[in-house]
Structures are given as structure tokens and as C-alpha cells.
N, C-alpha and C. Protein backbone atom coordinates (compact mmCIF):
# COMPACT_ATOMS: atom_id res chain seq x y z
N UNK A 1 46.74 200.99 167.23
CA UNK A 1 45.78 201.42 168.22
C UNK A 1 46.47 202.07 169.42
N UNK A 2 47.78 201.92 169.52
CA UNK A 2 48.46 202.48 170.69
C UNK A 2 48.51 204.00 170.63
N UNK A 3 48.42 204.58 171.77
CA UNK A 3 48.46 206.04 171.90
C UNK A 3 49.86 206.53 171.57
N UNK A 4 49.93 207.75 171.09
CA UNK A 4 51.21 208.37 170.74
C UNK A 4 52.18 208.39 171.92
N UNK A 5 51.66 208.48 173.14
CA UNK A 5 52.51 208.47 174.33
C UNK A 5 53.22 207.14 174.50
N UNK A 6 52.69 206.10 173.89
CA UNK A 6 53.34 204.78 173.91
C UNK A 6 54.24 204.62 172.68
N UNK A 7 53.73 205.02 171.53
CA UNK A 7 54.47 204.80 170.29
C UNK A 7 55.76 205.61 170.20
N UNK A 8 55.76 206.82 170.67
CA UNK A 8 56.99 207.62 170.60
C UNK A 8 58.15 206.97 171.36
N UNK A 9 57.97 206.58 172.61
CA UNK A 9 59.08 205.89 173.30
C UNK A 9 59.49 204.58 172.62
N UNK A 10 58.50 203.86 172.07
CA UNK A 10 58.84 202.62 171.37
C UNK A 10 59.67 202.90 170.13
N UNK A 11 59.35 203.95 169.39
CA UNK A 11 60.14 204.30 168.21
C UNK A 11 61.55 204.76 168.63
N UNK A 12 61.65 205.44 169.76
CA UNK A 12 62.97 205.81 170.27
C UNK A 12 63.79 204.57 170.61
N UNK A 13 63.15 203.60 171.25
CA UNK A 13 63.85 202.35 171.57
C UNK A 13 64.26 201.62 170.30
N UNK A 14 63.39 201.65 169.31
CA UNK A 14 63.70 201.00 168.03
C UNK A 14 64.92 201.64 167.37
N UNK A 15 64.99 202.95 167.41
CA UNK A 15 66.15 203.62 166.81
C UNK A 15 67.42 203.38 167.61
N UNK A 16 67.27 202.91 168.86
CA UNK A 16 68.43 202.56 169.68
C UNK A 16 68.79 201.08 169.54
N UNK A 17 68.08 200.35 168.64
CA UNK A 17 68.43 198.96 168.36
C UNK A 17 67.50 197.92 168.95
N UNK A 18 66.46 198.34 169.66
CA UNK A 18 65.51 197.39 170.23
C UNK A 18 64.52 196.97 169.14
N UNK A 19 64.30 195.66 169.02
CA UNK A 19 63.38 195.15 168.01
C UNK A 19 61.94 195.32 168.48
N UNK A 20 61.12 195.92 167.65
CA UNK A 20 59.72 196.19 167.97
C UNK A 20 58.83 195.44 166.98
N UNK A 21 57.81 194.77 167.49
CA UNK A 21 56.81 194.11 166.64
C UNK A 21 55.47 194.77 166.92
N UNK A 22 54.69 194.96 165.87
CA UNK A 22 53.36 195.53 166.03
C UNK A 22 52.32 194.56 165.49
N UNK A 23 51.26 194.38 166.25
CA UNK A 23 50.13 193.57 165.83
C UNK A 23 49.08 194.53 165.30
N UNK A 24 48.63 194.29 164.10
CA UNK A 24 47.65 195.17 163.47
C UNK A 24 46.23 194.75 163.86
N UNK A 25 45.39 195.73 164.08
CA UNK A 25 43.98 195.50 164.33
C UNK A 25 43.24 195.36 163.01
N UNK A 26 42.05 194.81 163.09
CA UNK A 26 41.18 194.72 161.92
C UNK A 26 40.69 196.12 161.57
N UNK A 27 40.18 196.31 160.36
CA UNK A 27 39.69 197.63 159.95
C UNK A 27 38.63 198.22 160.90
N UNK A 28 37.88 197.36 161.58
CA UNK A 28 36.87 197.87 162.52
C UNK A 28 37.45 198.19 163.89
N UNK A 29 38.77 198.01 164.06
CA UNK A 29 39.43 198.32 165.32
C UNK A 29 39.52 197.16 166.28
N UNK A 30 38.94 196.03 165.92
CA UNK A 30 39.00 194.86 166.81
C UNK A 30 40.37 194.20 166.71
N UNK A 31 40.69 193.42 167.73
CA UNK A 31 41.97 192.73 167.78
C UNK A 31 41.77 191.28 168.15
N UNK A 32 42.31 190.39 167.35
CA UNK A 32 42.33 188.97 167.69
C UNK A 32 43.53 188.77 168.61
N UNK A 33 43.32 188.45 169.89
CA UNK A 33 44.44 188.33 170.82
C UNK A 33 45.44 187.25 170.44
N UNK A 34 45.00 186.28 169.64
CA UNK A 34 45.94 185.24 169.20
C UNK A 34 47.01 185.78 168.26
N UNK A 35 46.76 186.93 167.65
CA UNK A 35 47.79 187.55 166.81
C UNK A 35 48.98 188.01 167.65
N UNK A 36 48.73 188.34 168.90
CA UNK A 36 49.82 188.73 169.80
C UNK A 36 50.76 187.54 170.00
N UNK A 37 50.17 186.38 170.20
CA UNK A 37 50.95 185.16 170.42
C UNK A 37 51.94 184.90 169.29
N UNK A 38 51.55 185.20 168.06
CA UNK A 38 52.43 184.98 166.90
C UNK A 38 53.66 185.88 166.92
N UNK A 39 53.57 187.02 167.59
CA UNK A 39 54.68 187.98 167.60
C UNK A 39 55.64 187.80 168.77
N UNK A 40 55.26 186.98 169.75
CA UNK A 40 56.12 186.77 170.91
C UNK A 40 57.33 185.94 170.50
N UNK A 41 58.50 186.44 170.84
CA UNK A 41 59.77 185.76 170.53
C UNK A 41 60.44 185.32 171.83
N UNK A 42 61.46 184.54 171.71
CA UNK A 42 62.19 184.09 172.90
C UNK A 42 62.78 185.27 173.67
N UNK A 43 63.13 186.34 172.96
CA UNK A 43 63.73 187.49 173.62
C UNK A 43 62.72 188.59 173.95
N UNK A 44 61.42 188.31 173.85
CA UNK A 44 60.40 189.31 174.18
C UNK A 44 60.47 189.64 175.66
N UNK A 45 60.49 190.93 175.95
CA UNK A 45 60.59 191.39 177.33
C UNK A 45 59.40 192.24 177.76
N UNK A 46 58.62 192.70 176.79
CA UNK A 46 57.50 193.55 177.13
C UNK A 46 56.41 193.42 176.06
N UNK A 47 55.17 193.42 176.51
CA UNK A 47 54.02 193.45 175.61
C UNK A 47 53.15 194.61 176.06
N UNK A 48 52.85 195.49 175.13
CA UNK A 48 52.05 196.68 175.43
C UNK A 48 50.74 196.55 174.66
N UNK A 49 49.63 196.66 175.39
CA UNK A 49 48.32 196.59 174.76
C UNK A 49 47.46 197.70 175.33
N UNK A 50 46.96 198.52 174.45
CA UNK A 50 46.03 199.57 174.84
C UNK A 50 44.69 198.91 175.16
N UNK A 51 44.11 199.21 176.31
CA UNK A 51 42.85 198.56 176.67
C UNK A 51 41.66 199.13 175.90
N UNK A 52 41.67 200.44 175.70
CA UNK A 52 40.57 201.08 174.97
C UNK A 52 41.14 202.20 174.12
N UNK A 53 40.60 202.34 172.92
CA UNK A 53 41.05 203.39 172.02
C UNK A 53 40.27 204.67 172.24
N UNK A 54 40.99 205.76 172.43
CA UNK A 54 40.31 207.05 172.56
C UNK A 54 39.92 207.61 171.20
N UNK A 55 40.36 206.96 170.13
CA UNK A 55 40.03 207.40 168.78
C UNK A 55 38.78 206.69 168.26
N UNK A 56 38.79 205.36 168.31
CA UNK A 56 37.68 204.59 167.75
C UNK A 56 36.66 204.15 168.79
N UNK A 57 37.05 204.19 170.06
CA UNK A 57 36.15 203.72 171.11
C UNK A 57 36.18 202.21 171.30
N UNK A 58 37.01 201.52 170.53
CA UNK A 58 37.12 200.07 170.63
C UNK A 58 37.72 199.67 171.97
N UNK A 59 37.11 198.69 172.59
CA UNK A 59 37.68 198.10 173.81
C UNK A 59 38.33 196.79 173.39
N UNK A 60 39.63 196.71 173.63
CA UNK A 60 40.40 195.55 173.18
C UNK A 60 40.35 194.44 174.22
N UNK A 61 40.53 193.19 173.79
CA UNK A 61 40.39 192.02 174.68
C UNK A 61 41.62 191.82 175.57
N UNK A 62 41.80 192.72 176.52
CA UNK A 62 43.00 192.70 177.36
C UNK A 62 43.07 191.45 178.24
N UNK A 63 41.94 190.99 178.75
CA UNK A 63 41.95 189.79 179.60
C UNK A 63 42.40 188.58 178.78
N UNK A 64 41.82 188.41 177.61
CA UNK A 64 42.18 187.27 176.76
C UNK A 64 43.64 187.36 176.32
N UNK A 65 44.10 188.55 175.99
CA UNK A 65 45.50 188.73 175.60
C UNK A 65 46.41 188.36 176.76
N UNK A 66 46.07 188.80 177.95
CA UNK A 66 46.87 188.46 179.13
C UNK A 66 46.92 186.96 179.39
N UNK A 67 45.79 186.30 179.24
CA UNK A 67 45.76 184.84 179.45
C UNK A 67 46.63 184.11 178.43
N UNK A 68 46.63 184.58 177.21
CA UNK A 68 47.48 183.96 176.18
C UNK A 68 48.94 184.16 176.51
N UNK A 69 49.31 185.37 176.89
CA UNK A 69 50.71 185.67 177.19
C UNK A 69 51.18 184.89 178.41
N UNK A 70 50.36 184.79 179.43
CA UNK A 70 50.74 184.06 180.65
C UNK A 70 50.96 182.58 180.33
N UNK A 71 50.21 182.05 179.38
CA UNK A 71 50.32 180.61 179.06
C UNK A 71 51.58 180.28 178.26
N UNK A 72 52.29 181.28 177.75
CA UNK A 72 53.47 181.01 176.93
C UNK A 72 54.66 180.58 177.75
């Protein structure tokens, strides 16, 4: 669901050795924010979440995702 302006720099970082994890959305474009929690590692330094998709129009649960991440 991330915009190309986000994915390109992430792929560049990945090719430079930075480990990237991606959480997949459901076929309808929805996202279970608890799936983000499963991908967080001890060395996680950044979490990127698109709030709304310009392609599907889906609004992602950014508040819930933020609350989960803060609680870790």
C-alpha cells in the first residue's frame, strides 16, 4: 500500500544492507494493525505506514497502529 516515493528509498536502503519487512494488506486493502506488531524486531528503527491509499481509497488504521507500536 505504500507509495512509490516511500518504496524506492526503502529498496535503496535494502540494497545497502538494511533489513526491510513488509506487512501485507488484505485483498480489500484493509490492514490489521496487529500484523505490524509481528514484524517489529529488537533492531527496528522505523515504521512507515501510509495513512490513506491514493490507489484504492482505503484509509488505514494509523491511530491503532501507533498505539500498538508505542506499547512495545
